């Protein structure tokens, strides 16, 4: 059994969880990588499903 969410429904679910929990997920930080023009992906506190980096590994 599984669930399908669109972006709005996922944000509603996360906002309900934010009341009790801190949610951490992989997040992209632009231009903070090892070199000047590279991005870094690391775990950080998120506020929306749109902040989660799904395509690149850490």
N, C-alpha and C. Protein backbone atom coordinates (compact mmCIF):
# COMPACT_ATOMS: atom_id res chain seq x y z
N UNK A 1 0.85 -1.18 0.00
CA UNK A 1 0.00 0.00 0.00
C UNK A 1 0.89 1.24 0.00
N UNK A 2 0.52 2.22 -0.76
CA UNK A 2 1.31 3.43 -0.83
C UNK A 2 0.41 4.66 -0.93
N UNK A 3 1.02 5.80 -0.89
CA UNK A 3 0.31 7.06 -0.98
C UNK A 3 0.96 7.90 -2.06
N UNK A 4 0.14 8.67 -2.77
CA UNK A 4 0.64 9.64 -3.73
C UNK A 4 0.24 11.03 -3.25
N UNK A 5 1.21 11.92 -3.24
CA UNK A 5 0.97 13.30 -2.83
C UNK A 5 1.42 14.23 -3.92
N UNK A 6 0.69 15.31 -4.12
CA UNK A 6 1.22 16.38 -4.95
C UNK A 6 1.93 17.36 -4.01
N UNK A 7 2.51 18.39 -4.56
CA UNK A 7 3.34 19.31 -3.76
C UNK A 7 2.50 19.99 -2.68
N UNK A 8 1.29 20.41 -3.01
CA UNK A 8 0.46 21.11 -2.02
C UNK A 8 0.05 20.19 -0.88
N UNK A 9 -0.32 18.95 -1.20
CA UNK A 9 -0.70 18.01 -0.14
C UNK A 9 0.49 17.65 0.74
N UNK A 10 1.66 17.51 0.13
CA UNK A 10 2.85 17.19 0.90
C UNK A 10 3.22 18.34 1.83
N UNK A 11 3.08 19.58 1.35
CA UNK A 11 3.35 20.74 2.22
C UNK A 11 2.35 20.81 3.37
N UNK A 12 1.10 20.45 3.12
CA UNK A 12 0.11 20.43 4.20
C UNK A 12 0.46 19.37 5.24
N UNK A 13 0.91 18.22 4.77
CA UNK A 13 1.32 17.16 5.70
C UNK A 13 2.53 17.61 6.52
N UNK A 14 3.51 18.21 5.85
CA UNK A 14 4.70 18.68 6.57
C UNK A 14 4.35 19.78 7.57
N UNK A 15 3.46 20.67 7.21
CA UNK A 15 3.10 21.74 8.14
C UNK A 15 2.44 21.18 9.39
N UNK A 16 1.70 20.10 9.25
CA UNK A 16 1.13 19.46 10.43
C UNK A 16 2.22 18.83 11.29
N UNK A 17 3.24 18.28 10.66
CA UNK A 17 4.34 17.67 11.41
C UNK A 17 5.26 18.72 12.05
N UNK A 18 5.37 19.89 11.42
CA UNK A 18 6.24 20.95 11.95
C UNK A 18 5.79 21.43 13.32
N UNK A 19 4.53 21.25 13.64
CA UNK A 19 4.03 21.68 14.95
C UNK A 19 4.71 20.92 16.08
N UNK A 20 5.11 19.66 15.84
CA UNK A 20 5.72 18.84 16.89
C UNK A 20 7.18 18.49 16.63
N UNK A 21 7.57 18.47 15.35
CA UNK A 21 8.88 17.92 15.01
C UNK A 21 9.71 18.90 14.18
N UNK A 22 11.01 18.72 14.23
CA UNK A 22 11.92 19.36 13.29
C UNK A 22 12.17 18.36 12.18
N UNK A 23 11.99 18.77 10.94
CA UNK A 23 12.13 17.88 9.80
C UNK A 23 13.44 18.23 9.09
N UNK A 24 14.29 17.22 8.91
CA UNK A 24 15.57 17.38 8.22
C UNK A 24 15.55 16.54 6.96
N UNK A 25 16.13 17.08 5.89
CA UNK A 25 16.18 16.39 4.61
C UNK A 25 17.39 16.91 3.83
N UNK A 26 17.79 16.22 2.76
CA UNK A 26 18.88 16.73 1.92
C UNK A 26 18.45 18.05 1.28
N UNK A 27 19.28 19.06 1.42
CA UNK A 27 18.97 20.39 0.93
C UNK A 27 20.17 20.95 0.17
N UNK A 28 19.91 21.64 -0.92
CA UNK A 28 20.99 22.23 -1.74
C UNK A 28 21.34 23.62 -1.22
N UNK A 29 22.63 23.86 -1.07
CA UNK A 29 23.14 25.17 -0.68
C UNK A 29 23.98 25.70 -1.84
N UNK A 30 23.44 26.65 -2.60
CA UNK A 30 24.15 27.14 -3.78
C UNK A 30 25.43 27.90 -3.42
N UNK A 31 26.45 27.63 -4.20
CA UNK A 31 27.75 28.33 -4.11
C UNK A 31 28.39 28.22 -2.74
N UNK A 32 28.14 27.13 -2.02
CA UNK A 32 28.79 26.92 -0.73
C UNK A 32 29.63 25.65 -0.74
N UNK A 33 29.91 25.14 -1.93
CA UNK A 33 30.69 23.92 -2.04
C UNK A 33 32.17 24.17 -1.84
N UNK A 34 32.95 23.15 -2.12
CA UNK A 34 34.39 23.23 -1.93
C UNK A 34 35.03 24.28 -2.83
N UNK A 35 34.50 24.39 -4.05
CA UNK A 35 35.01 25.39 -5.00
C UNK A 35 34.00 26.52 -5.13
N UNK A 36 34.41 27.63 -5.68
CA UNK A 36 33.59 28.85 -5.63
C UNK A 36 32.26 28.75 -6.37
N UNK A 37 32.19 27.99 -7.45
CA UNK A 37 30.94 27.93 -8.22
C UNK A 37 30.21 26.61 -8.05
N UNK A 38 30.47 25.87 -7.01
CA UNK A 38 29.80 24.59 -6.82
C UNK A 38 28.80 24.67 -5.68
N UNK A 39 27.79 23.84 -5.81
CA UNK A 39 26.77 23.74 -4.77
C UNK A 39 27.13 22.57 -3.86
N UNK A 40 26.55 22.58 -2.68
CA UNK A 40 26.74 21.47 -1.75
C UNK A 40 25.35 20.98 -1.33
N UNK A 41 25.24 19.68 -1.17
CA UNK A 41 24.00 19.08 -0.69
C UNK A 41 24.30 18.45 0.66
N UNK A 42 23.56 18.87 1.67
CA UNK A 42 23.73 18.30 3.00
C UNK A 42 22.39 18.35 3.74
N UNK A 43 22.30 17.64 4.82
CA UNK A 43 21.06 17.60 5.58
C UNK A 43 20.90 18.89 6.37
N UNK A 44 19.68 19.43 6.31
CA UNK A 44 19.36 20.66 7.03
C UNK A 44 17.86 20.67 7.32
N UNK A 45 17.48 21.54 8.20
CA UNK A 45 16.06 21.69 8.55
C UNK A 45 15.34 22.33 7.36
N UNK A 46 14.18 21.79 7.00
CA UNK A 46 13.42 22.31 5.87
C UNK A 46 12.12 22.91 6.34
N UNK A 47 11.53 23.74 5.49
CA UNK A 47 10.25 24.37 5.77
C UNK A 47 9.21 24.03 4.70
N UNK A 48 9.65 23.41 3.60
CA UNK A 48 8.75 23.09 2.50
C UNK A 48 9.29 21.88 1.75
N UNK A 49 8.42 21.17 1.07
CA UNK A 49 8.82 20.01 0.29
C UNK A 49 9.68 20.44 -0.90
N UNK A 50 9.53 21.69 -1.33
CA UNK A 50 10.28 22.20 -2.48
C UNK A 50 11.77 22.35 -2.18
N UNK A 51 12.15 22.40 -0.92
CA UNK A 51 13.56 22.54 -0.54
C UNK A 51 14.33 21.23 -0.59
N UNK A 52 13.63 20.11 -0.68
CA UNK A 52 14.30 18.80 -0.64
C UNK A 52 14.96 18.52 -1.98
N UNK A 53 16.20 18.08 -1.91
CA UNK A 53 16.96 17.70 -3.11
C UNK A 53 16.78 16.21 -3.31
N UNK A 54 16.05 15.82 -4.35
CA UNK A 54 15.76 14.42 -4.62
C UNK A 54 16.73 13.79 -5.63
N UNK A 55 17.33 14.60 -6.49
CA UNK A 55 18.05 14.02 -7.63
C UNK A 55 19.54 13.79 -7.40
N UNK A 56 20.16 14.51 -6.51
CA UNK A 56 21.60 14.39 -6.32
C UNK A 56 21.90 13.76 -4.97
N UNK A 57 22.85 12.84 -4.97
CA UNK A 57 23.26 12.24 -3.70
C UNK A 57 24.20 13.17 -2.97
N UNK A 58 24.33 12.95 -1.70
CA UNK A 58 25.21 13.76 -0.85
C UNK A 58 26.64 13.56 -1.21
